[in-house]
């Protein structure tokens, strides 16, 4: 899921959203064509188990993405 604190301005043209749900991550990437943007986190110290992701979202999509997250969380 993503809370407001998990969404921040990354630079002038982009935002970052921190997500802990793999299904939400996949849905966002497919729906908004964001497959190539993101960072993977392995918080358990095990590099075979992804635990969370940061997805980079352009300014022109941020409101749609936030609405999608709200409706699907």
Protein backbone atom coordinates (compact mmCIF):
# COMPACT_ATOMS: atom_id res chain seq x y z
CA UNK A 1 0.00 0.00 0.00
CA UNK A 2 1.05 3.64 -0.08
CA UNK A 3 0.29 6.36 2.44
CA UNK A 4 0.66 10.07 1.80
CA UNK A 5 4.04 9.99 3.58
CA UNK A 6 5.12 7.37 1.03
CA UNK A 7 4.61 9.78 -1.89
CA UNK A 8 7.13 12.57 -2.37
CA UNK A 9 8.44 14.93 -5.03
CA UNK A 10 11.55 13.34 -6.55
CA UNK A 11 12.65 16.16 -8.85
CA UNK A 12 11.00 18.87 -10.98
CA UNK A 13 9.20 16.43 -13.27
CA UNK A 14 8.74 13.28 -11.20
CA UNK A 15 7.40 11.80 -7.98
CA UNK A 16 8.34 8.66 -6.07
CA UNK A 17 5.84 6.30 -4.50
CA UNK A 18 6.95 3.72 -1.95
CA UNK A 19 4.85 0.54 -2.17
CA UNK A 20 4.87 -2.60 -0.04
CA UNK A 21 2.26 -4.56 -1.99
CA UNK A 22 3.64 -6.53 -4.92
CA UNK A 23 0.23 -6.84 -6.58
CA UNK A 24 -0.36 -3.07 -6.37
CA UNK A 25 3.13 -2.47 -7.80
CA UNK A 26 2.45 -4.77 -10.75
CA UNK A 27 -0.97 -3.23 -11.39
CA UNK A 28 0.43 0.32 -11.34
CA UNK A 29 3.29 -0.58 -13.63
CA UNK A 30 0.99 -2.24 -16.16
CA UNK A 31 -1.86 0.28 -16.05
CA UNK A 32 0.34 3.39 -16.30
CA UNK A 33 3.22 1.89 -18.32
CA UNK A 34 5.76 2.35 -15.52
CA UNK A 35 7.55 -0.98 -15.89
CA UNK A 36 10.97 0.59 -16.39
CA UNK A 37 10.82 2.91 -13.41
CA UNK A 38 11.51 1.70 -9.95
CA UNK A 39 13.83 0.60 -7.20
CA UNK A 40 13.66 -2.72 -5.35
CA UNK A 41 14.27 -3.06 -1.60
CA UNK A 42 15.39 -6.21 0.23
CA UNK A 43 14.78 -5.25 3.84
CA UNK A 44 15.10 -8.76 5.21
CA UNK A 45 18.75 -9.01 4.19
CA UNK A 46 17.78 -11.78 1.78
CA UNK A 47 18.38 -10.79 -1.85
CA UNK A 48 15.86 -13.32 -3.08
CA UNK A 49 12.87 -11.76 -1.32
CA UNK A 50 11.79 -8.32 -2.52
CA UNK A 51 10.02 -6.46 0.28
CA UNK A 52 9.07 -3.07 -1.19
CA UNK A 53 9.48 -0.86 -4.22
CA UNK A 54 9.80 2.80 -5.17
CA UNK A 55 8.12 3.67 -8.45
CA UNK A 56 8.97 6.88 -10.28
CA UNK A 57 5.86 8.62 -11.63
CA UNK A 58 5.89 11.61 -14.00
CA UNK A 59 4.02 14.79 -13.02
CA UNK A 60 1.35 14.26 -15.66
CA UNK A 61 0.32 10.92 -14.10
CA UNK A 62 0.66 11.53 -10.36
CA UNK A 63 -2.97 12.48 -9.71
CA UNK A 64 -4.27 9.46 -11.65
CA UNK A 65 -1.83 7.16 -9.87
CA UNK A 66 -2.77 8.52 -6.42
CA UNK A 67 -6.46 8.07 -7.23
CA UNK A 68 -5.82 4.52 -8.43
CA UNK A 69 -3.93 3.69 -5.22
CA UNK A 70 -6.70 5.14 -3.06
CA UNK A 71 -9.39 3.17 -4.89
CA UNK A 72 -7.42 -0.09 -4.90
CA UNK A 73 -5.86 -0.15 -1.44
